Amino acid sequence: MVRMFTVSDFQLVLLRRMADHNPDLVENARHELGVSIADMREANKRWQAMLRSPRARAAASRYRSVLGAPESVTPRRIGDLECEAWLWPIPLWPDLRFEVLVAPDHVVWNEWLVRAPGSPAPELRTPDDLRPWSCTVDEVAHAFAPARPLEGTAPTRWGLAFTAPDGTGTGTGTGVRRECVAEFTWGLLQRVAVRG
């Protein structure tokens, strides 16, 4: 009998991709969830098998089967394109939601973690405010606009290049502007490199 893939398993898939950047945070989360490294590997192996199966479901159907009905479905317009934003709670990150952007033909355009509606966004003024797992791609892009998207090293990874004040000035969010590159996995900040 095939074991159902659950929300708990999906959390382990998210963590597995983040372990490359923040093994300590992943280890703490794994202990909080009460699962072993072998459990995390097995969940990732099963997820990859689902993706690569000749009978694989379309991504939108796969997320519904694993995460259940979305907590909310909201129409969204991105330029000239109409889509829906499907949101699910992820227990490990209660202030975030897993968002899937779905086209009218049910093709998934994007999938990542975003701030939950009504949850306060962090104050981001300098690179020091950018701590791992503290903010999402959208939050960094808005705080340090104009940010330039960078190609990630894997399908679930993104990057942003931007300038930010280093906080050495006398006012809030002031100082010498530094070139920064932020890296994200599943839309959640993993690390920031400050140049110059």
N, C-alpha and C. Protein backbone atom coordinates (compact mmCIF):
# COMPACT_ATOMS: atom_id res chain seq x y z
N MET A 1 0.84 -1.19 0.00
CA MET A 1 0.00 0.00 0.00
C MET A 1 0.88 1.25 0.00
N VAL A 2 0.57 2.22 -0.86
CA VAL A 2 1.35 3.44 -0.97
C VAL A 2 0.95 4.40 0.15
N ARG A 3 1.96 4.90 0.86
CA ARG A 3 1.72 5.83 1.95
C ARG A 3 1.39 7.21 1.39
N MET A 4 0.35 7.85 1.93
CA MET A 4 -0.05 9.18 1.48
C MET A 4 1.05 10.18 1.80
N PHE A 5 1.23 11.15 0.92
CA PHE A 5 2.17 12.24 1.14
C PHE A 5 1.41 13.33 1.88
N THR A 6 1.91 13.78 3.03
CA THR A 6 1.17 14.69 3.90
C THR A 6 1.80 16.08 3.93
N VAL A 7 1.12 17.00 4.60
CA VAL A 7 1.66 18.34 4.82
C VAL A 7 2.98 18.24 5.58
N SER A 8 3.05 17.35 6.55
CA SER A 8 4.30 17.16 7.31
C SER A 8 5.44 16.72 6.39
N ASP A 9 5.14 15.81 5.46
CA ASP A 9 6.14 15.39 4.49
C ASP A 9 6.57 16.57 3.62
N PHE A 10 5.60 17.39 3.22
CA PHE A 10 5.91 18.54 2.36
C PHE A 10 6.82 19.53 3.07
N GLN A 11 6.60 19.72 4.37
CA GLN A 11 7.50 20.59 5.14
C GLN A 11 8.94 20.08 5.07
N LEU A 12 9.10 18.77 5.11
CA LEU A 12 10.44 18.18 5.04
C LEU A 12 11.08 18.41 3.67
N VAL A 13 10.26 18.43 2.62
CA VAL A 13 10.77 18.73 1.28
C VAL A 13 11.28 20.17 1.24
N LEU A 14 10.50 21.10 1.82
CA LEU A 14 10.94 22.50 1.87
C LEU A 14 12.26 22.62 2.63
N LEU A 15 12.33 21.94 3.77
CA LEU A 15 13.54 21.99 4.60
C LEU A 15 14.75 21.39 3.89
N ARG A 16 14.53 20.31 3.15
CA ARG A 16 15.65 19.63 2.49
C ARG A 16 16.40 20.58 1.57
N ARG A 17 15.65 21.41 0.82
CA ARG A 17 16.28 22.37 -0.08
C ARG A 17 16.99 23.49 0.69
N MET A 18 16.51 23.80 1.89
CA MET A 18 17.11 24.88 2.68
C MET A 18 18.36 24.44 3.43
N ALA A 19 18.54 23.13 3.57
CA ALA A 19 19.67 22.59 4.36
C ALA A 19 21.02 22.97 3.77
N ASP A 20 21.08 23.20 2.46
CA ASP A 20 22.35 23.58 1.85
C ASP A 20 22.86 24.92 2.37
N HIS A 21 21.94 25.83 2.68
CA HIS A 21 22.32 27.17 3.15
C HIS A 21 22.34 27.31 4.66
N ASN A 22 21.38 26.68 5.33
CA ASN A 22 21.22 26.87 6.78
C ASN A 22 21.01 25.55 7.50
N PRO A 23 22.04 24.71 7.55
CA PRO A 23 21.87 23.40 8.18
C PRO A 23 21.45 23.48 9.65
N ASP A 24 21.92 24.49 10.38
CA ASP A 24 21.55 24.61 11.80
C ASP A 24 20.06 24.91 11.97
N LEU A 25 19.53 25.83 11.16
CA LEU A 25 18.09 26.14 11.24
C LEU A 25 17.26 24.92 10.85
N VAL A 26 17.71 24.21 9.82
CA VAL A 26 16.99 23.00 9.39
C VAL A 26 17.04 21.94 10.48
N GLU A 27 18.20 21.79 11.09
CA GLU A 27 18.33 20.80 12.18
C GLU A 27 17.38 21.13 13.33
N ASN A 28 17.30 22.40 13.71
CA ASN A 28 16.38 22.82 14.78
C ASN A 28 14.93 22.54 14.39
N ALA A 29 14.58 22.87 13.14
CA ALA A 29 13.21 22.63 12.67
C ALA A 29 12.90 21.14 12.65
N ARG A 30 13.87 20.35 12.22
CA ARG A 30 13.68 18.89 12.17
C ARG A 30 13.39 18.34 13.57
N HIS A 31 14.14 18.83 14.57
CA HIS A 31 13.91 18.40 15.96
C HIS A 31 12.53 18.85 16.45
N GLU A 32 12.16 20.08 16.07
CA GLU A 32 10.84 20.59 16.46
C GLU A 32 9.73 19.70 15.88
N LEU A 33 9.95 19.21 14.68
CA LEU A 33 8.96 18.33 14.04
C LEU A 33 9.05 16.89 14.52
N GLY A 34 10.13 16.56 15.22
CA GLY A 34 10.29 15.20 15.75
C GLY A 34 10.58 14.17 14.68
N VAL A 35 11.35 14.55 13.66
CA VAL A 35 11.67 13.62 12.58
C VAL A 35 13.18 13.45 12.45
N SER A 36 13.57 12.35 11.87
CA SER A 36 14.99 12.05 11.70
C SER A 36 15.49 12.55 10.34
N ILE A 37 16.80 12.55 10.17
CA ILE A 37 17.39 12.88 8.88
C ILE A 37 16.91 11.88 7.82
N ALA A 38 16.80 10.62 8.22
CA ALA A 38 16.31 9.59 7.29
C ALA A 38 14.87 9.89 6.85
N ASP A 39 14.03 10.38 7.78
CA ASP A 39 12.66 10.76 7.43
C ASP A 39 12.66 11.88 6.38
N MET A 40 13.56 12.86 6.57
CA MET A 40 13.64 13.98 5.65
C MET A 40 14.10 13.51 4.27
N ARG A 41 15.09 12.64 4.25
CA ARG A 41 15.57 12.10 2.97
C ARG A 41 14.47 11.30 2.27
N GLU A 42 13.75 10.50 3.04
CA GLU A 42 12.68 9.67 2.47
C GLU A 42 11.56 10.54 1.90
N ALA A 43 11.19 11.59 2.62
CA ALA A 43 10.14 12.48 2.12
C ALA A 43 10.58 13.13 0.81
N ASN A 44 11.83 13.57 0.75
CA ASN A 44 12.34 14.19 -0.47
C ASN A 44 12.39 13.18 -1.62
N LYS A 45 12.81 11.97 -1.32
CA LYS A 45 12.86 10.91 -2.33
C LYS A 45 11.47 10.63 -2.90
N ARG A 46 10.47 10.56 -2.03
CA ARG A 46 9.09 10.31 -2.47
C ARG A 46 8.55 11.48 -3.29
N TRP A 47 8.90 12.72 -2.89
CA TRP A 47 8.47 13.91 -3.62
C TRP A 47 9.07 13.89 -5.04
N GLN A 48 10.36 13.62 -5.12
CA GLN A 48 11.02 13.57 -6.43
C GLN A 48 10.41 12.46 -7.30
N ALA A 49 10.08 11.34 -6.69
CA ALA A 49 9.45 10.24 -7.44
C ALA A 49 8.09 10.68 -7.98
N MET A 50 7.33 11.45 -7.18
CA MET A 50 6.04 11.96 -7.64
C MET A 50 6.22 12.90 -8.83
N LEU A 51 7.25 13.74 -8.77
CA LEU A 51 7.49 14.70 -9.85
C LEU A 51 7.89 14.01 -11.15
N ARG A 52 8.65 12.93 -11.03
CA ARG A 52 9.22 12.28 -12.20
C ARG A 52 8.43 11.08 -12.71
N SER A 53 7.39 10.71 -12.02
CA SER A 53 6.60 9.55 -12.41
C SER A 53 5.94 9.76 -13.77
N PRO A 54 5.89 8.71 -14.61
CA PRO A 54 5.18 8.84 -15.89
C PRO A 54 3.70 9.15 -15.69
N ARG A 55 3.18 8.84 -14.53
CA ARG A 55 1.77 9.12 -14.21
C ARG A 55 1.63 10.35 -13.32
N ALA A 56 2.66 11.20 -13.33
CA ALA A 56 2.66 12.38 -12.44
C ALA A 56 1.46 13.28 -12.71
N ARG A 57 0.89 13.76 -11.64
CA ARG A 57 -0.21 14.73 -11.76
C ARG A 57 0.36 16.08 -12.17
N ALA A 58 -0.49 16.92 -12.74
CA ALA A 58 -0.10 18.30 -12.99
C ALA A 58 0.18 18.95 -11.64
N ALA A 59 1.06 19.97 -11.63
CA ALA A 59 1.48 20.58 -10.37
C ALA A 59 0.32 21.08 -9.53
N ALA A 60 -0.67 21.73 -10.15
CA ALA A 60 -1.81 22.23 -9.39
C ALA A 60 -2.55 21.09 -8.68
N SER A 61 -2.78 20.00 -9.38
CA SER A 61 -3.45 18.84 -8.78
C SER A 61 -2.59 18.21 -7.69
N ARG A 62 -1.29 18.16 -7.93
CA ARG A 62 -0.38 17.57 -6.94
C ARG A 62 -0.44 18.35 -5.62
N TYR A 63 -0.41 19.69 -5.70
CA TYR A 63 -0.47 20.48 -4.46
C TYR A 63 -1.79 20.28 -3.74
N ARG A 64 -2.88 20.21 -4.48
CA ARG A 64 -4.19 19.97 -3.85
C ARG A 64 -4.23 18.60 -3.18
N SER A 65 -3.62 17.60 -3.81
CA SER A 65 -3.66 16.25 -3.22
C SER A 65 -2.80 16.17 -1.96
N VAL A 66 -1.71 16.92 -1.93
CA VAL A 66 -0.80 16.87 -0.78
C VAL A 66 -1.24 17.82 0.34
N LEU A 67 -1.64 19.05 -0.04
CA LEU A 67 -1.94 20.09 0.96
C LEU A 67 -3.43 20.26 1.24
N GLY A 68 -4.28 19.61 0.44
CA GLY A 68 -5.72 19.76 0.63
C GLY A 68 -6.23 20.98 -0.12
N ALA A 69 -7.45 21.36 0.18
CA ALA A 69 -8.03 22.56 -0.45
C ALA A 69 -7.28 23.79 0.05
N PRO A 70 -7.02 24.75 -0.83
CA PRO A 70 -6.32 25.96 -0.37
C PRO A 70 -7.12 26.70 0.70
N GLU A 71 -6.40 27.35 1.60
CA GLU A 71 -7.02 28.19 2.62
C GLU A 71 -7.75 29.36 1.96
N SER A 72 -7.17 29.87 0.86
CA SER A 72 -7.82 30.94 0.10
C SER A 72 -7.40 30.85 -1.35
N VAL A 73 -8.29 31.33 -2.22
CA VAL A 73 -8.03 31.44 -3.66
C VAL A 73 -8.39 32.86 -4.05
N THR A 74 -7.40 33.60 -4.57
CA THR A 74 -7.59 35.01 -4.87
C THR A 74 -7.20 35.29 -6.32
N PRO A 75 -8.07 35.98 -7.08
CA PRO A 75 -7.67 36.37 -8.44
C PRO A 75 -6.46 37.30 -8.36
N ARG A 76 -5.55 37.16 -9.30
CA ARG A 76 -4.35 37.99 -9.32
C ARG A 76 -4.05 38.36 -10.76
N ARG A 77 -3.63 39.58 -10.96
CA ARG A 77 -3.23 40.04 -12.30
C ARG A 77 -1.75 40.39 -12.23
N ILE A 78 -0.97 39.80 -13.15
CA ILE A 78 0.46 40.07 -13.24
C ILE A 78 0.71 40.58 -14.66
N GLY A 79 0.84 41.90 -14.80
CA GLY A 79 0.92 42.48 -16.13
C GLY A 79 -0.39 42.24 -16.86
N ASP A 80 -0.31 41.60 -18.03
CA ASP A 80 -1.51 41.28 -18.81
C ASP A 80 -2.08 39.91 -18.47
N LEU A 81 -1.42 39.19 -17.58
CA LEU A 81 -1.81 37.81 -17.30
C LEU A 81 -2.74 37.72 -16.10
N GLU A 82 -3.79 36.95 -16.27
CA GLU A 82 -4.73 36.67 -15.18
C GLU A 82 -4.38 35.32 -14.57
N CYS A 83 -4.42 35.23 -13.26
CA CYS A 83 -4.19 33.94 -12.61
C CYS A 83 -4.90 33.93 -11.26
N GLU A 84 -4.72 32.84 -10.53
CA GLU A 84 -5.24 32.74 -9.16
C GLU A 84 -4.06 32.44 -8.24
N ALA A 85 -4.12 33.04 -7.05
CA ALA A 85 -3.13 32.73 -6.01
C ALA A 85 -3.80 31.80 -5.01
N TRP A 86 -3.28 30.58 -4.92
CA TRP A 86 -3.75 29.60 -3.96
C TRP A 86 -2.82 29.65 -2.75
N LEU A 87 -3.37 29.75 -1.55
CA LEU A 87 -2.57 29.82 -0.33
C LEU A 87 -2.90 28.69 0.63
N TRP A 88 -1.84 28.11 1.22
CA TRP A 88 -1.98 27.07 2.24
C TRP A 88 -1.14 27.43 3.45
N PRO A 89 -1.65 27.16 4.66
CA PRO A 89 -0.81 27.31 5.85
C PRO A 89 0.23 26.20 5.91
N ILE A 90 1.40 26.53 6.42
CA ILE A 90 2.47 25.57 6.63
C ILE A 90 2.82 25.66 8.12
N PRO A 91 2.48 24.65 8.92
CA PRO A 91 2.61 24.74 10.38
C PRO A 91 3.99 25.19 10.88
N LEU A 92 5.05 24.80 10.19
CA LEU A 92 6.40 25.16 10.64
C LEU A 92 6.62 26.67 10.62
N TRP A 93 5.97 27.37 9.70
CA TRP A 93 6.07 28.83 9.58
C TRP A 93 4.67 29.43 9.66
N PRO A 94 4.12 29.61 10.87
CA PRO A 94 2.72 30.05 10.99
C PRO A 94 2.44 31.44 10.41
N ASP A 95 3.46 32.31 10.29
CA ASP A 95 3.25 33.64 9.72
C ASP A 95 3.38 33.67 8.20
N LEU A 96 3.63 32.51 7.60
CA LEU A 96 3.79 32.42 6.16
C LEU A 96 2.71 31.52 5.57
N ARG A 97 2.57 31.59 4.25
CA ARG A 97 1.69 30.69 3.51
C ARG A 97 2.46 30.19 2.29
N PHE A 98 2.13 28.98 1.86
CA PHE A 98 2.70 28.48 0.62
C PHE A 98 1.77 28.93 -0.48
N GLU A 99 2.31 29.71 -1.42
CA GLU A 99 1.51 30.29 -2.49
C GLU A 99 1.85 29.60 -3.81
N VAL A 100 0.80 29.24 -4.54
CA VAL A 100 0.94 28.69 -5.88
C VAL A 100 0.13 29.59 -6.81
N LEU A 101 0.80 30.14 -7.83
CA LEU A 101 0.12 30.96 -8.82
C LEU A 101 -0.30 30.05 -9.98
N VAL A 102 -1.60 30.00 -10.23
CA VAL A 102 -2.17 29.06 -11.19
C VAL A 102 -2.83 29.83 -12.33
N ALA A 103 -2.44 29.49 -13.56
CA ALA A 103 -3.01 30.11 -14.77
C ALA A 103 -4.41 29.55 -15.02
N PRO A 104 -5.19 30.21 -15.87
CA PRO A 104 -6.54 29.71 -16.17
C PRO A 104 -6.55 28.27 -16.70
N ASP A 105 -5.47 27.83 -17.36
CA ASP A 105 -5.42 26.45 -17.87
C ASP A 105 -4.84 25.48 -16.83
N HIS A 106 -4.74 25.93 -15.58
CA HIS A 106 -4.25 25.16 -14.43
C HIS A 106 -2.76 24.84 -14.48
N VAL A 107 -2.03 25.59 -15.29
CA VAL A 107 -0.56 25.48 -15.27
C VAL A 107 -0.06 26.33 -14.10
N VAL A 108 0.89 25.79 -13.33
CA VAL A 108 1.47 26.51 -12.20
C VAL A 108 2.60 27.40 -12.71
N TRP A 109 2.49 28.70 -12.42
CA TRP A 109 3.51 29.66 -12.84
C TRP A 109 4.59 29.84 -11.78
N ASN A 110 4.20 29.75 -10.52
CA ASN A 110 5.16 30.01 -9.44
C ASN A 110 4.69 29.30 -8.18
N GLU A 111 5.65 28.95 -7.32
CA GLU A 111 5.33 28.28 -6.06
C GLU A 111 6.39 28.66 -5.04
N TRP A 112 5.94 29.30 -3.93
CA TRP A 112 6.89 29.75 -2.92
C TRP A 112 6.17 30.18 -1.65
N LEU A 113 6.96 30.49 -0.64
CA LEU A 113 6.41 30.97 0.63
C LEU A 113 6.25 32.49 0.57
N VAL A 114 5.12 32.96 1.09
CA VAL A 114 4.82 34.40 1.16
C VAL A 114 4.31 34.70 2.57
N ARG A 115 4.28 35.98 2.93
CA ARG A 115 3.74 36.39 4.23
C ARG A 115 2.24 36.13 4.26
N ALA A 116 1.75 35.61 5.36
CA ALA A 116 0.31 35.34 5.50
C ALA A 116 -0.45 36.66 5.56
N PRO A 117 -1.62 36.72 4.91
CA PRO A 117 -2.43 37.93 5.00
C PRO A 117 -2.69 38.29 6.47
N GLY A 118 -2.47 39.56 6.81
CA GLY A 118 -2.69 40.02 8.17
C GLY A 118 -1.50 39.85 9.11
N SER A 119 -0.49 39.10 8.69
CA SER A 119 0.72 38.95 9.53
C SER A 119 1.64 40.13 9.28
N PRO A 120 2.20 40.71 10.35
CA PRO A 120 3.06 41.88 10.15
C PRO A 120 4.36 41.50 9.44
N ALA A 121 4.72 42.30 8.45
CA ALA A 121 5.98 42.10 7.74
C ALA A 121 7.11 42.66 8.59
N PRO A 122 8.30 42.09 8.50
CA PRO A 122 9.44 42.62 9.27
C PRO A 122 9.87 43.98 8.72
N GLU A 123 10.46 44.80 9.59
CA GLU A 123 11.02 46.08 9.15
C GLU A 123 12.40 45.80 8.57
N LEU A 124 12.58 46.14 7.31
CA LEU A 124 13.83 45.89 6.62
C LEU A 124 14.42 47.22 6.18
N ARG A 125 15.51 47.64 6.85
CA ARG A 125 16.12 48.93 6.53
C ARG A 125 17.57 48.80 6.08
N THR A 126 18.29 47.82 6.63
CA THR A 126 19.70 47.62 6.30
C THR A 126 19.94 46.12 6.11
N PRO A 127 21.09 45.76 5.56
CA PRO A 127 21.40 44.33 5.42
C PRO A 127 21.39 43.57 6.75
N ASP A 128 21.65 44.26 7.86
CA ASP A 128 21.62 43.60 9.17
C ASP A 128 20.23 43.09 9.53
N ASP A 129 19.20 43.68 8.93
CA ASP A 129 17.82 43.24 9.19
C ASP A 129 17.46 41.96 8.43
N LEU A 130 18.31 41.58 7.49
CA LEU A 130 18.03 40.44 6.62
C LEU A 130 18.63 39.16 7.21
N ARG A 131 17.92 38.60 8.16
CA ARG A 131 18.35 37.35 8.81
C ARG A 131 17.70 36.16 8.13
N PRO A 132 18.40 35.04 8.06
CA PRO A 132 17.83 33.85 7.42
C PRO A 132 16.45 33.51 7.99
N TRP A 133 15.54 33.19 7.09
CA TRP A 133 14.17 32.79 7.36
C TRP A 133 13.30 33.92 7.91
N SER A 134 13.78 35.17 7.86
CA SER A 134 13.02 36.27 8.45
C SER A 134 12.08 36.96 7.47
N CYS A 135 12.31 36.78 6.15
CA CYS A 135 11.52 37.53 5.18
C CYS A 135 11.48 36.79 3.84
N THR A 136 10.59 37.27 2.99
CA THR A 136 10.35 36.63 1.70
C THR A 136 10.92 37.47 0.55
N VAL A 137 10.91 36.89 -0.64
CA VAL A 137 11.40 37.59 -1.83
C VAL A 137 10.69 38.92 -2.00
N ASP A 138 9.35 38.90 -1.97
CA ASP A 138 8.58 40.14 -2.17
C ASP A 138 8.93 41.21 -1.14
N GLU A 139 9.11 40.81 0.10
CA GLU A 139 9.40 41.78 1.16
C GLU A 139 10.75 42.46 0.93
N VAL A 140 11.75 41.69 0.54
CA VAL A 140 13.07 42.27 0.27
C VAL A 140 13.01 43.15 -0.98
N ALA A 141 12.33 42.68 -2.02
CA ALA A 141 12.22 43.46 -3.26
C ALA A 141 11.55 44.81 -3.01
N HIS A 142 10.51 44.84 -2.18
CA HIS A 142 9.83 46.10 -1.88
C HIS A 142 10.66 46.99 -0.95
N ALA A 143 11.32 46.41 0.03
CA ALA A 143 12.09 47.20 0.99
C ALA A 143 13.30 47.87 0.34
N PHE A 144 13.89 47.21 -0.65
CA PHE A 144 15.11 47.72 -1.26
C PHE A 144 14.94 47.92 -2.77
N ALA A 145 13.79 48.47 -3.14
CA ALA A 145 13.52 48.74 -4.56
C ALA A 145 14.46 49.82 -5.07
N PRO A 146 14.85 49.74 -6.32
CA PRO A 146 14.52 48.67 -7.26
C PRO A 146 15.49 47.50 -7.13
N ALA A 147 14.97 46.33 -6.91
CA ALA A 147 15.80 45.11 -6.82
C ALA A 147 15.76 44.41 -8.17
N ARG A 148 16.86 43.76 -8.50
CA ARG A 148 16.97 43.07 -9.79
C ARG A 148 16.94 41.57 -9.56
N PRO A 149 15.98 40.85 -10.17
CA PRO A 149 15.93 39.39 -9.99
C PRO A 149 17.15 38.72 -10.61
N LEU A 150 17.62 37.68 -9.95
CA LEU A 150 18.75 36.89 -10.44
C LEU A 150 18.31 35.45 -10.60
N GLU A 151 18.88 34.78 -11.56
CA GLU A 151 18.55 33.37 -11.77
C GLU A 151 19.08 32.56 -10.60
N GLY A 152 18.28 31.64 -10.11
CA GLY A 152 18.69 30.78 -9.00
C GLY A 152 19.52 29.60 -9.48
N THR A 153 20.10 28.90 -8.54
CA THR A 153 20.94 27.74 -8.86
C THR A 153 20.14 26.45 -8.98
N ALA A 154 18.84 26.52 -8.69
CA ALA A 154 17.95 25.36 -8.79
C ALA A 154 16.53 25.90 -9.00
N PRO A 155 15.60 25.05 -9.44
CA PRO A 155 14.24 25.54 -9.71
C PRO A 155 13.55 26.21 -8.52
N THR A 156 13.87 25.83 -7.30
CA THR A 156 13.20 26.41 -6.13
C THR A 156 14.00 27.55 -5.51
N ARG A 157 15.02 28.03 -6.21
CA ARG A 157 15.88 29.08 -5.66
C ARG A 157 15.80 30.34 -6.52
N TRP A 158 15.86 31.48 -5.84
CA TRP A 158 15.82 32.78 -6.48
C TRP A 158 16.90 33.65 -5.87
N GLY A 159 17.26 34.71 -6.57
CA GLY A 159 18.19 35.70 -6.04
C GLY A 159 17.69 37.10 -6.35
N LEU A 160 18.13 38.06 -5.55
CA LEU A 160 17.85 39.48 -5.78
C LEU A 160 19.14 40.26 -5.60
N ALA A 161 19.41 41.19 -6.51
CA ALA A 161 20.52 42.12 -6.35
C ALA A 161 19.91 43.49 -6.07
N PHE A 162 20.49 44.21 -5.11
CA PHE A 162 19.94 45.52 -4.73
C PHE A 162 21.02 46.30 -3.98
N THR A 163 20.76 47.57 -3.75
CA THR A 163 21.64 48.35 -2.88
C THR A 163 20.87 48.68 -1.61
N ALA A 164 21.61 48.74 -0.50
CA ALA A 164 20.98 49.02 0.79
C ALA A 164 21.94 49.84 1.64
N PRO A 165 21.41 50.75 2.46
CA PRO A 165 22.29 51.52 3.35
C PRO A 165 22.83 50.62 4.45
N ASP A 166 24.09 50.85 4.81
CA ASP A 166 24.71 49.97 5.81
C ASP A 166 24.39 50.36 7.25
N GLY A 167 23.58 51.40 7.45
CA GLY A 167 23.17 51.77 8.81
C GLY A 167 24.17 52.62 9.56
N THR A 168 25.22 53.10 8.88
CA THR A 168 26.23 53.91 9.57
C THR A 168 25.84 55.37 9.66
N GLY A 169 24.75 55.77 8.98
CA GLY A 169 24.31 57.16 9.02
C GLY A 169 23.61 57.49 10.33
N THR A 170 23.19 58.74 10.46
CA THR A 170 22.57 59.18 11.71
C THR A 170 21.07 58.88 11.78
N GLY A 171 20.43 58.66 10.64
CA GLY A 171 19.00 58.37 10.64
C GLY A 171 18.73 56.90 10.40
N THR A 172 17.47 56.51 10.60
CA THR A 172 17.07 55.13 10.36
C THR A 172 17.21 54.80 8.88
N GLY A 173 17.86 53.68 8.58
CA GLY A 173 18.01 53.25 7.19
C GLY A 173 18.93 54.14 6.38
N THR A 174 19.88 54.78 7.03
CA THR A 174 20.82 55.64 6.31
C THR A 174 22.22 55.07 6.41
N GLY A 175 23.11 55.65 5.63
CA GLY A 175 24.50 55.21 5.64
C GLY A 175 25.00 55.02 4.23
N VAL A 176 26.16 54.42 4.12
CA VAL A 176 26.77 54.15 2.83
C VAL A 176 25.96 53.05 2.13
N ARG A 177 25.62 53.28 0.87
CA ARG A 177 24.85 52.28 0.13
C ARG A 177 25.79 51.20 -0.35
N ARG A 178 25.42 49.96 -0.08
CA ARG A 178 26.23 48.79 -0.43
C ARG A 178 25.47 47.91 -1.42
N GLU A 179 26.24 47.29 -2.32
CA GLU A 179 25.67 46.30 -3.23
C GLU A 179 25.42 45.02 -2.45
N CYS A 180 24.24 44.45 -2.60
CA CYS A 180 23.88 43.22 -1.88
C CYS A 180 23.28 42.20 -2.84
N VAL A 181 23.47 40.94 -2.49
CA VAL A 181 22.81 39.85 -3.21
C VAL A 181 22.16 38.95 -2.15
N ALA A 182 20.85 38.78 -2.27
CA ALA A 182 20.12 37.91 -1.34
C ALA A 182 19.73 36.63 -2.07
N GLU A 183 19.82 35.51 -1.37
CA GLU A 183 19.46 34.21 -1.94
C GLU A 183 18.27 33.64 -1.17
N PHE A 184 17.34 33.07 -1.91
CA PHE A 184 16.10 32.55 -1.36
C PHE A 184 15.89 31.11 -1.82
N THR A 185 15.30 30.31 -0.95
CA THR A 185 14.85 28.96 -1.31
C THR A 185 13.37 28.88 -0.98
N TRP A 186 12.58 28.42 -1.94
CA TRP A 186 11.12 28.40 -1.82
C TRP A 186 10.60 29.77 -1.40
N GLY A 187 11.26 30.85 -1.81
CA GLY A 187 10.80 32.21 -1.52
C GLY A 187 11.22 32.75 -0.17
N LEU A 188 11.88 31.96 0.67
CA LEU A 188 12.28 32.38 2.01
C LEU A 188 13.77 32.72 2.01
N LEU A 189 14.12 33.86 2.63
CA LEU A 189 15.51 34.31 2.65
C LEU A 189 16.43 33.28 3.32
N GLN A 190 17.54 32.99 2.65
CA GLN A 190 18.52 32.06 3.20
C GLN A 190 19.81 32.75 3.60
N ARG A 191 20.31 33.68 2.76
CA ARG A 191 21.54 34.41 3.11
C ARG A 191 21.66 35.64 2.25
N VAL A 192 22.51 36.57 2.73
CA VAL A 192 22.77 37.82 2.04
C VAL A 192 24.27 38.03 2.00
N ALA A 193 24.78 38.42 0.84
CA ALA A 193 26.18 38.80 0.69
C ALA A 193 26.22 40.30 0.44
N VAL A 194 27.03 41.02 1.22
CA VAL A 194 27.20 42.47 1.05
C VAL A 194 28.56 42.69 0.40
N ARG A 195 28.54 43.46 -0.67
CA ARG A 195 29.78 43.71 -1.41
C ARG A 195 30.22 45.15 -1.23
N GLY A 196 31.53 45.35 -1.12
CA GLY A 196 32.09 46.70 -1.07
C GLY A 196 31.93 47.42 0.22
